[in-house]
């Protein structure tokens, strides 16, 4: 199981944190039904194929832009 911290609209939908069984970032997004998000693993932006392990710090947030 990995612990995930959720932000913005994902926090509103799922709560602040949750645990889920997954081996990659893509599996996390698939299980949550999220198609597009920014995911950080241990404070570094991750890709769908990035592996995750128990104890990793995982954050899921919507894409953002600014100017």
C-alpha atoms as a PDB file:
ATOM      1  CA  UNK A   1       0.000   0.000   0.000  1.00  0.00           C
ATOM      2  CA  UNK A   2       1.133   3.517  -0.742  1.00  0.00           C
ATOM      3  CA  UNK A   3      -0.120   6.676   0.948  1.00  0.00           C
ATOM      4  CA  UNK A   4      -1.272   9.476  -1.325  1.00  0.00           C
ATOM      5  CA  UNK A   5      -1.797  13.139  -0.477  1.00  0.00           C
ATOM      6  CA  UNK A   6      -4.438  14.831  -2.601  1.00  0.00           C
ATOM      7  CA  UNK A   7      -4.780  18.520  -3.429  1.00  0.00           C
ATOM      8  CA  UNK A   8      -7.378  20.968  -4.798  1.00  0.00           C
ATOM      9  CA  UNK A   9     -10.324  19.306  -6.595  1.00  0.00           C
ATOM     10  CA  UNK A  10      -8.939  15.831  -5.861  1.00  0.00           C
ATOM     11  CA  UNK A  11      -8.937  16.624  -2.136  1.00  0.00           C
ATOM     12  CA  UNK A  12     -12.561  17.710  -2.402  1.00  0.00           C
ATOM     13  CA  UNK A  13     -13.486  14.430  -4.107  1.00  0.00           C
ATOM     14  CA  UNK A  14     -11.362  11.900  -2.149  1.00  0.00           C
ATOM     15  CA  UNK A  15     -10.248  13.653   1.057  1.00  0.00           C
ATOM     16  CA  UNK A  16      -6.800  14.776   2.241  1.00  0.00           C
ATOM     17  CA  UNK A  17      -5.053  11.399   2.153  1.00  0.00           C
ATOM     18  CA  UNK A  18      -5.724   7.807   1.209  1.00  0.00           C
ATOM     19  CA  UNK A  19      -3.930   4.513   0.889  1.00  0.00           C
ATOM     20  CA  UNK A  20      -4.087   2.442  -2.262  1.00  0.00           C
ATOM     21  CA  UNK A  21      -2.432  -0.695  -3.629  1.00  0.00           C
ATOM     22  CA  UNK A  22      -0.364   0.281  -6.674  1.00  0.00           C
ATOM     23  CA  UNK A  23       3.063  -0.276  -8.204  1.00  0.00           C
ATOM     24  CA  UNK A  24       3.202   2.723 -10.573  1.00  0.00           C
ATOM     25  CA  UNK A  25       1.878   6.259 -10.827  1.00  0.00           C
ATOM     26  CA  UNK A  26      -0.291   5.118 -13.747  1.00  0.00           C
ATOM     27  CA  UNK A  27      -1.956   2.475 -11.569  1.00  0.00           C
ATOM     28  CA  UNK A  28      -2.751   5.106  -8.945  1.00  0.00           C
ATOM     29  CA  UNK A  29      -4.378   7.397 -11.507  1.00  0.00           C
ATOM     30  CA  UNK A  30      -6.293   4.509 -13.076  1.00  0.00           C
ATOM     31  CA  UNK A  31      -7.664   3.290  -9.738  1.00  0.00           C
ATOM     32  CA  UNK A  32      -8.749   6.827  -8.829  1.00  0.00           C
ATOM     33  CA  UNK A  33     -10.311   7.407 -12.256  1.00  0.00           C
ATOM     34  CA  UNK A  34      -8.093  10.432 -12.908  1.00  0.00           C
ATOM     35  CA  UNK A  35      -7.034  10.996 -16.513  1.00  0.00           C
ATOM     36  CA  UNK A  36      -4.915  14.119 -16.170  1.00  0.00           C
ATOM     37  CA  UNK A  37      -2.946  15.224 -13.113  1.00  0.00           C
ATOM     38  CA  UNK A  38       0.466  16.247 -11.876  1.00  0.00           C
ATOM     39  CA  UNK A  39       1.945  13.576  -9.635  1.00  0.00           C
ATOM     40  CA  UNK A  40       5.049  13.986  -7.509  1.00  0.00           C
ATOM     41  CA  UNK A  41       6.892  11.061  -5.939  1.00  0.00           C
ATOM     42  CA  UNK A  42       9.319  12.057  -3.189  1.00  0.00           C
ATOM     43  CA  UNK A  43       9.055  15.731  -4.233  1.00  0.00           C
ATOM     44  CA  UNK A  44       9.919  15.079  -7.903  1.00  0.00           C
ATOM     45  CA  UNK A  45       7.448  15.252 -10.781  1.00  0.00           C
ATOM     46  CA  UNK A  46       6.699  11.708 -11.911  1.00  0.00           C
ATOM     47  CA  UNK A  47       5.441  10.040 -15.099  1.00  0.00           C
ATOM     48  CA  UNK A  48       2.802   7.334 -15.431  1.00  0.00           C
ATOM     49  CA  UNK A  49       5.458   4.597 -15.564  1.00  0.00           C
ATOM     50  CA  UNK A  50       7.281   5.812 -12.422  1.00  0.00           C
ATOM     51  CA  UNK A  51       7.349   3.005  -9.835  1.00  0.00           C
ATOM     52  CA  UNK A  52       6.040   3.648  -6.313  1.00  0.00           C
ATOM     53  CA  UNK A  53       6.914   1.822  -3.111  1.00  0.00           C
ATOM     54  CA  UNK A  54       5.581   1.779   0.410  1.00  0.00           C
ATOM     55  CA  UNK A  55       7.032   4.772   2.247  1.00  0.00           C
ATOM     56  CA  UNK A  56       7.196   7.025  -0.823  1.00  0.00           C
ATOM     57  CA  UNK A  57       5.670  10.486  -0.482  1.00  0.00           C
ATOM     58  CA  UNK A  58       3.114  10.769  -3.286  1.00  0.00           C
ATOM     59  CA  UNK A  59       1.160  13.915  -4.123  1.00  0.00           C
ATOM     60  CA  UNK A  60      -1.629  14.141  -6.711  1.00  0.00           C
ATOM     61  CA  UNK A  61      -2.802  17.553  -7.882  1.00  0.00           C
ATOM     62  CA  UNK A  62      -4.566  19.015 -10.905  1.00  0.00           C
ATOM     63  CA  UNK A  63      -2.493  20.572 -13.670  1.00  0.00           C
ATOM     64  CA  UNK A  64      -1.959  24.255 -13.078  1.00  0.00           C
ATOM     65  CA  UNK A  65      -0.811  27.275 -15.027  1.00  0.00           C
ATOM     66  CA  UNK A  66       0.173  30.759 -14.189  1.00  0.00           C
ATOM     67  CA  UNK A  67       1.550  33.832 -15.687  1.00  0.00           C
END
